[in-house]
C-alpha cells in the first residue's frame, strides 16, 4: 500500500531565537546572519527576534534592533514563510533591510519608500589596494582614541542635521573602532572623513558610517578610512563587508578600487523613520 502522508507542516510565527539555533542557521551562510550573531552576543538587551518556524525549526526571522527605541531597524533574514513573518514587523516608524524578493511582496505600512542597496565583500586574501596618498602625510588616517573625543564631538556638532553623524558625539573613541582622516587646525585636529566597524566576528566584519566632508570629497579620503577598517578586519583573519546604495556610483567606484566585490542585492525600506542609507 502507498504511504499515506500527512499535511505539510504549517509556518508558525513565534517570539525568540536561541543561540544554538542561530549558530546552525549561520553555519553555511555567516554573512547573512552576521548582524544577528553580533547583536545577540553583545547587545541582547537591545534586540528582539521574531521567527517563522516550520515543523518547529526556524526558517526565517526578523532581527529588530532597538538602539533608538522610537525608530527600530529591522534585518529581515530568509524568504520562507514571508507572508507569516510580515505580521511580526514592529509598528511604524521603522526601517528595514530585506531580501529584494520579499520587498516586492510585503504590503509595507503606508507611506513608505525604498532604495536598492548592494552587499559588497572584500576577501582577506585580496592584495592591498593602491591608495592616493597625501603630500607630507597629511591628513593622517588612523584609529581614533580617547584623545580624539573633542574632535569627534566637534564633527558631530557640525552635522546636527544628520542623525547618524550627530549621534557620534556620544561615541567613546577609546572603545568603539572608528578610523578618521585628521588635519591640524588652530582649534586642534579636525576630522575630514571617518569610517567605523559595526560588526566584528571571527569570519566577517562590516564597515559602516563612511562619511567625507563635502569640501574634501574626491580626494580619496573615503577610500582610505574604509581601507583602514578593512585592513584591521583582515589582520584579525576576517573578510570585510559593507552596504552601498545602487544609485551611488562614486561610492561603488571607490569600493571597487579597494577590492570589494558585489555579492547580492537588498532593499532598504523606510516606513516613516529615515534617514536614507
Protein backbone atom coordinates (compact mmCIF):
# COMPACT_ATOMS: atom_id res chain seq x y z
CA UNK A 1 0.00 0.00 0.00
CA UNK A 2 1.24 3.52 -0.72
CA UNK A 3 2.47 5.56 2.21
CA UNK A 4 -0.11 7.99 3.48
CA UNK A 5 1.46 11.38 4.10
CA UNK A 6 0.02 13.97 6.39
CA UNK A 7 -0.37 17.64 5.51
CA UNK A 8 2.90 19.60 5.27
CA UNK A 9 3.87 21.44 8.44
CA UNK A 10 2.50 24.95 8.67
CA UNK A 11 4.53 28.07 9.17
CA UNK A 12 4.26 29.44 12.69
CA UNK A 13 5.23 32.88 13.97
CA UNK A 14 6.96 32.86 17.34
CA UNK A 15 8.97 35.18 19.52
CA UNK A 16 12.64 34.48 20.07
CA UNK A 17 15.55 32.59 18.54
CA UNK A 18 18.02 30.51 20.52
CA UNK A 19 21.81 30.95 20.21
CA UNK A 20 22.27 27.33 19.14
CA UNK A 21 19.53 27.67 16.53
CA UNK A 22 21.18 30.79 15.14
CA UNK A 23 24.56 29.06 15.04
CA UNK A 24 23.06 26.24 12.95
CA UNK A 25 21.47 28.72 10.53
CA UNK A 26 24.72 30.68 10.21
CA UNK A 27 26.97 27.66 9.72
CA UNK A 28 26.74 27.75 5.93
CA UNK A 29 25.98 31.46 5.47
CA UNK A 30 27.73 33.55 8.15
CA UNK A 31 27.42 36.71 6.05
CA UNK A 32 23.61 36.54 6.04
CA UNK A 33 23.45 36.19 9.82
CA UNK A 34 26.36 38.44 10.85
CA UNK A 35 24.27 41.19 12.46
CA UNK A 36 22.16 38.65 14.34
CA UNK A 37 25.22 36.80 15.67
CA UNK A 38 26.93 40.02 16.73
CA UNK A 39 23.89 41.66 18.33
CA UNK A 40 22.71 38.52 20.12
CA UNK A 41 26.09 38.16 21.81
CA UNK A 42 26.80 41.80 22.65
CA UNK A 43 23.51 43.68 22.75
CA UNK A 44 20.91 41.13 23.82
CA UNK A 45 19.05 43.80 25.78
CA UNK A 46 18.59 45.93 22.65
CA UNK A 47 17.36 43.30 20.20
CA UNK A 48 14.27 41.20 19.65
CA UNK A 49 13.85 38.20 17.39
CA UNK A 50 10.62 37.20 15.67
CA UNK A 51 10.89 33.81 13.98
CA UNK A 52 8.98 31.80 11.41
CA UNK A 53 9.19 28.10 12.18
CA UNK A 54 8.34 25.12 10.03
CA UNK A 55 7.86 21.93 12.00
CA UNK A 56 9.40 23.69 14.99
CA UNK A 57 12.57 24.57 13.07
CA UNK A 58 13.43 28.26 12.41
CA UNK A 59 13.50 29.04 8.68
CA UNK A 60 13.44 32.86 8.64
CA UNK A 61 13.42 35.67 11.17
CA UNK A 62 13.34 39.36 11.93
CA UNK A 63 16.19 40.86 13.94
CA UNK A 64 14.76 44.07 15.41
CA UNK A 65 17.38 46.48 16.75
CA UNK A 66 16.17 48.94 19.38
CA UNK A 67 19.27 51.13 19.61
CA UNK A 68 16.84 54.00 19.06
CA UNK A 69 13.59 52.66 20.59
CA UNK A 70 11.43 55.12 18.65
CA UNK A 71 12.90 54.10 15.27
CA UNK A 72 13.92 50.42 15.30
CA UNK A 73 15.96 48.88 12.50
CA UNK A 74 14.77 45.53 11.15
CA UNK A 75 17.02 42.96 9.47
CA UNK A 76 14.78 40.51 7.60
CA UNK A 77 16.66 37.23 7.06
CA UNK A 78 15.23 34.49 4.86
CA UNK A 79 12.30 34.27 2.44
CA UNK A 80 10.45 31.18 3.66
CA UNK A 81 7.08 31.96 5.20
CA UNK A 82 7.31 35.64 4.33
CA UNK A 83 3.51 36.02 4.45
CA UNK A 84 3.63 34.98 8.11
CA UNK A 85 6.81 36.83 9.02
CA UNK A 86 5.48 40.19 7.85
CA UNK A 87 2.98 40.03 10.73
CA UNK A 88 5.93 40.31 13.10
CA UNK A 89 7.04 43.73 11.86
CA UNK A 90 7.04 46.45 14.52
CA UNK A 91 4.63 49.37 14.46
CA UNK A 92 5.98 52.24 12.30
CA UNK A 93 8.16 54.19 12.21
CA UNK A 94 10.98 51.78 11.40
CA UNK A 95 13.49 50.98 8.69
CA UNK A 96 14.05 47.50 7.32
CA UNK A 97 16.76 45.79 5.29
CA UNK A 98 15.09 42.94 3.43
CA UNK A 99 15.67 40.43 0.61
CA UNK A 100 14.65 42.11 -2.65
CA UNK A 101 12.08 39.41 -3.47
CA UNK A 102 10.39 39.99 -0.14
CA UNK A 103 10.31 43.76 -0.61
CA UNK A 104 8.22 43.31 -3.73
CA UNK A 105 5.65 41.16 -1.93
CA UNK A 106 5.14 42.66 1.51
CA UNK A 107 2.40 45.24 1.95
CA UNK A 108 4.55 47.80 3.74
CA UNK A 109 2.95 50.38 6.03
CA UNK A 110 1.98 53.47 4.09
CA UNK A 111 3.65 55.78 3.39
CA UNK A 112 6.94 54.02 2.79
CA UNK A 113 9.87 54.50 0.43
CA UNK A 114 12.57 52.10 -0.65
CA UNK A 115 16.06 52.03 -2.14
CA UNK A 116 18.05 49.18 -3.66
CA UNK A 117 21.24 48.57 -1.73
CA UNK A 118 24.11 46.25 -2.57
CA UNK A 119 26.10 43.98 -0.27
CA UNK A 120 29.81 44.08 -1.11
CA UNK A 121 32.58 41.94 0.38
CA UNK A 122 36.37 42.22 0.38
CA UNK A 123 38.02 38.86 0.94
CA UNK A 124 41.09 38.85 3.15
CA UNK A 125 43.32 37.21 0.52
CA UNK A 126 42.86 40.09 -1.97
CA UNK A 127 46.03 42.15 -2.49
CA UNK A 128 46.38 45.54 -0.82
CA UNK A 129 44.90 48.34 -2.94
CA UNK A 130 46.76 51.33 -4.30
CA UNK A 131 45.82 54.44 -2.34
CA UNK A 132 46.31 58.05 -3.47
CA UNK A 133 48.47 59.22 -0.57
CA UNK A 134 48.91 62.85 0.50
CA UNK A 135 51.96 65.13 0.42
CA UNK A 136 53.66 65.35 3.76
CA UNK A 137 51.48 62.58 5.20
CA UNK A 138 48.52 64.89 5.92
CA UNK A 139 45.69 64.40 6.55
CA UNK A 140 46.63 61.47 8.77
CA UNK A 141 44.40 58.40 8.73
CA UNK A 142 44.41 56.42 11.95
CA UNK A 143 42.21 54.81 14.55
CA UNK A 144 40.71 57.36 16.92
CA UNK A 145 41.49 57.11 20.61
CA UNK A 146 40.37 58.80 23.85
CA UNK A 147 42.45 61.87 22.94
CA UNK A 148 40.21 62.40 19.89
CA UNK A 149 36.95 62.74 21.81
CA UNK A 150 36.80 66.52 21.29
CA UNK A 151 37.48 66.22 17.55
CA UNK A 152 34.68 63.68 17.28
CA UNK A 153 32.32 65.92 19.23
CA UNK A 154 33.13 68.92 17.01
CA UNK A 155 32.46 66.74 13.98
CA UNK A 156 29.07 65.74 15.40
CA UNK A 157 28.21 69.39 16.13
CA UNK A 158 28.88 70.32 12.51
CA UNK A 159 26.35 67.72 11.40
CA UNK A 160 23.38 68.28 13.69
CA UNK A 161 21.03 67.88 10.73
CA UNK A 162 22.17 64.28 10.09
CA UNK A 163 21.07 61.94 12.94
CA UNK A 164 23.66 59.21 12.35
CA UNK A 165 26.53 61.70 12.35
CA UNK A 166 25.10 63.70 15.25
CA UNK A 167 24.97 60.51 17.33
CA UNK A 168 28.73 60.12 17.02
CA UNK A 169 29.09 62.91 19.56
CA UNK A 170 28.25 60.39 22.27
CA UNK A 171 30.65 57.73 20.99
CA UNK A 172 33.60 56.78 23.14
CA UNK A 173 36.51 56.55 20.66
CA UNK A 174 38.50 54.69 23.27
CA UNK A 175 36.09 51.74 22.98
CA UNK A 176 34.45 51.96 19.55
CA UNK A 177 36.57 51.20 16.48
CA UNK A 178 36.45 54.44 14.49
CA UNK A 179 39.03 55.46 11.89
CA UNK A 180 39.40 59.06 10.82
CA UNK A 181 41.32 61.31 8.47
CA UNK A 182 42.53 64.22 10.61
CA UNK A 183 44.04 67.55 9.67
CA UNK A 184 45.70 70.04 12.04
CA UNK A 185 43.90 73.36 12.64
CA UNK A 186 44.38 76.18 15.19
CA UNK A 187 41.47 74.67 17.18
CA UNK A 188 43.02 71.21 17.17
CA UNK A 189 42.77 68.26 14.81
CA UNK A 190 39.73 68.29 12.56
CA UNK A 191 38.03 65.19 11.22
CA UNK A 192 37.67 65.28 7.44
CA UNK A 193 36.47 61.70 6.89
CA UNK A 194 35.64 58.68 9.01
CA UNK A 195 34.50 55.06 8.93
CA UNK A 196 33.80 52.56 11.67
CA UNK A 197 33.22 48.88 12.20
CA UNK A 198 29.63 47.94 13.01
CA UNK A 199 30.12 44.17 13.27
CA UNK A 200 33.25 42.28 14.31
CA UNK A 201 33.06 38.50 14.09
CA UNK A 202 35.87 35.96 13.58
CA UNK A 203 34.79 35.40 9.95
CA UNK A 204 33.34 38.74 8.90
CA UNK A 205 33.39 42.44 9.81
CA UNK A 206 31.10 45.15 8.50
CA UNK A 207 32.08 48.74 7.70
CA UNK A 208 29.52 51.47 8.35
CA UNK A 209 29.19 55.20 8.77
CA UNK A 210 31.58 56.10 5.94
CA UNK A 211 31.48 59.87 5.50
CA UNK A 212 33.72 62.52 3.93
CA UNK A 213 33.27 66.26 4.39
CA UNK A 214 31.90 67.75 1.15
CA UNK A 215 34.91 70.04 0.80
CA UNK A 216 37.24 67.03 0.69
CA UNK A 217 35.31 64.62 -1.50
CA UNK A 218 37.16 63.31 -4.50
CA UNK A 219 40.49 63.30 -2.63
CA UNK A 220 40.47 59.58 -1.76
CA UNK A 221 39.92 60.08 1.98
CA UNK A 222 36.75 57.97 1.95
CA UNK A 223 38.69 55.11 0.41
CA UNK A 224 41.47 55.47 2.98
CA UNK A 225 39.24 55.33 6.05
CA UNK A 226 37.28 52.42 4.58
CA UNK A 227 40.51 50.59 3.85
CA UNK A 228 41.68 51.22 7.43
CA UNK A 229 38.68 49.23 8.73
CA UNK A 230 39.08 46.52 6.08
CA UNK A 231 42.78 46.16 6.83
CA UNK A 232 42.05 45.74 10.55
CA UNK A 233 39.50 43.05 9.67
CA UNK A 234 41.99 41.19 7.50
CA UNK A 235 44.66 41.41 10.19
CA UNK A 236 42.14 39.77 12.53
CA UNK A 237 41.60 36.98 9.97
CA UNK A 238 38.17 38.16 8.78
CA UNK A 239 36.64 39.24 5.49
CA UNK A 240 35.07 42.71 5.34
CA UNK A 241 31.61 43.67 4.08
CA UNK A 242 29.53 46.80 3.62
CA UNK A 243 26.28 48.06 2.15
CA UNK A 244 26.09 50.73 -0.55
CA UNK A 245 23.18 52.26 -2.43
CA UNK A 246 22.92 51.20 -6.06
CA UNK A 247 22.45 54.82 -7.12
CA UNK A 248 25.76 55.97 -5.58
CA UNK A 249 28.28 55.43 -8.42
CA UNK A 250 31.07 57.37 -6.69
CA UNK A 251 30.97 55.10 -3.63
CA UNK A 252 30.72 51.99 -5.80
CA UNK A 253 33.79 53.09 -7.77
CA UNK A 254 35.71 53.66 -4.53
CA UNK A 255 34.82 50.26 -3.11
CA UNK A 256 35.66 48.57 -6.40
CA UNK A 257 39.09 50.21 -6.32
CA UNK A 258 39.59 48.81 -2.82
CA UNK A 259 38.92 45.26 -3.98
CA UNK A 260 35.35 44.85 -2.73
CA UNK A 261 33.01 42.76 -4.88
CA UNK A 262 29.22 42.78 -5.02
CA UNK A 263 27.65 39.57 -3.75
CA UNK A 264 23.92 40.34 -3.53
CA UNK A 265 21.15 42.92 -3.53
CA UNK A 266 18.90 44.01 -0.68
CA UNK A 267 16.17 46.61 -0.33
CA UNK A 268 16.13 49.37 2.27
CA UNK A 269 12.56 50.19 3.28
CA UNK A 270 11.77 53.36 5.20
CA UNK A 271 8.43 53.09 7.00
CA UNK A 272 8.45 56.65 8.26
CA UNK A 273 11.77 56.54 10.12
CA UNK A 274 14.58 57.64 7.77
CA UNK A 275 17.19 58.75 7.07
CA UNK A 276 18.03 57.07 3.76
CA UNK A 277 21.12 54.79 3.72
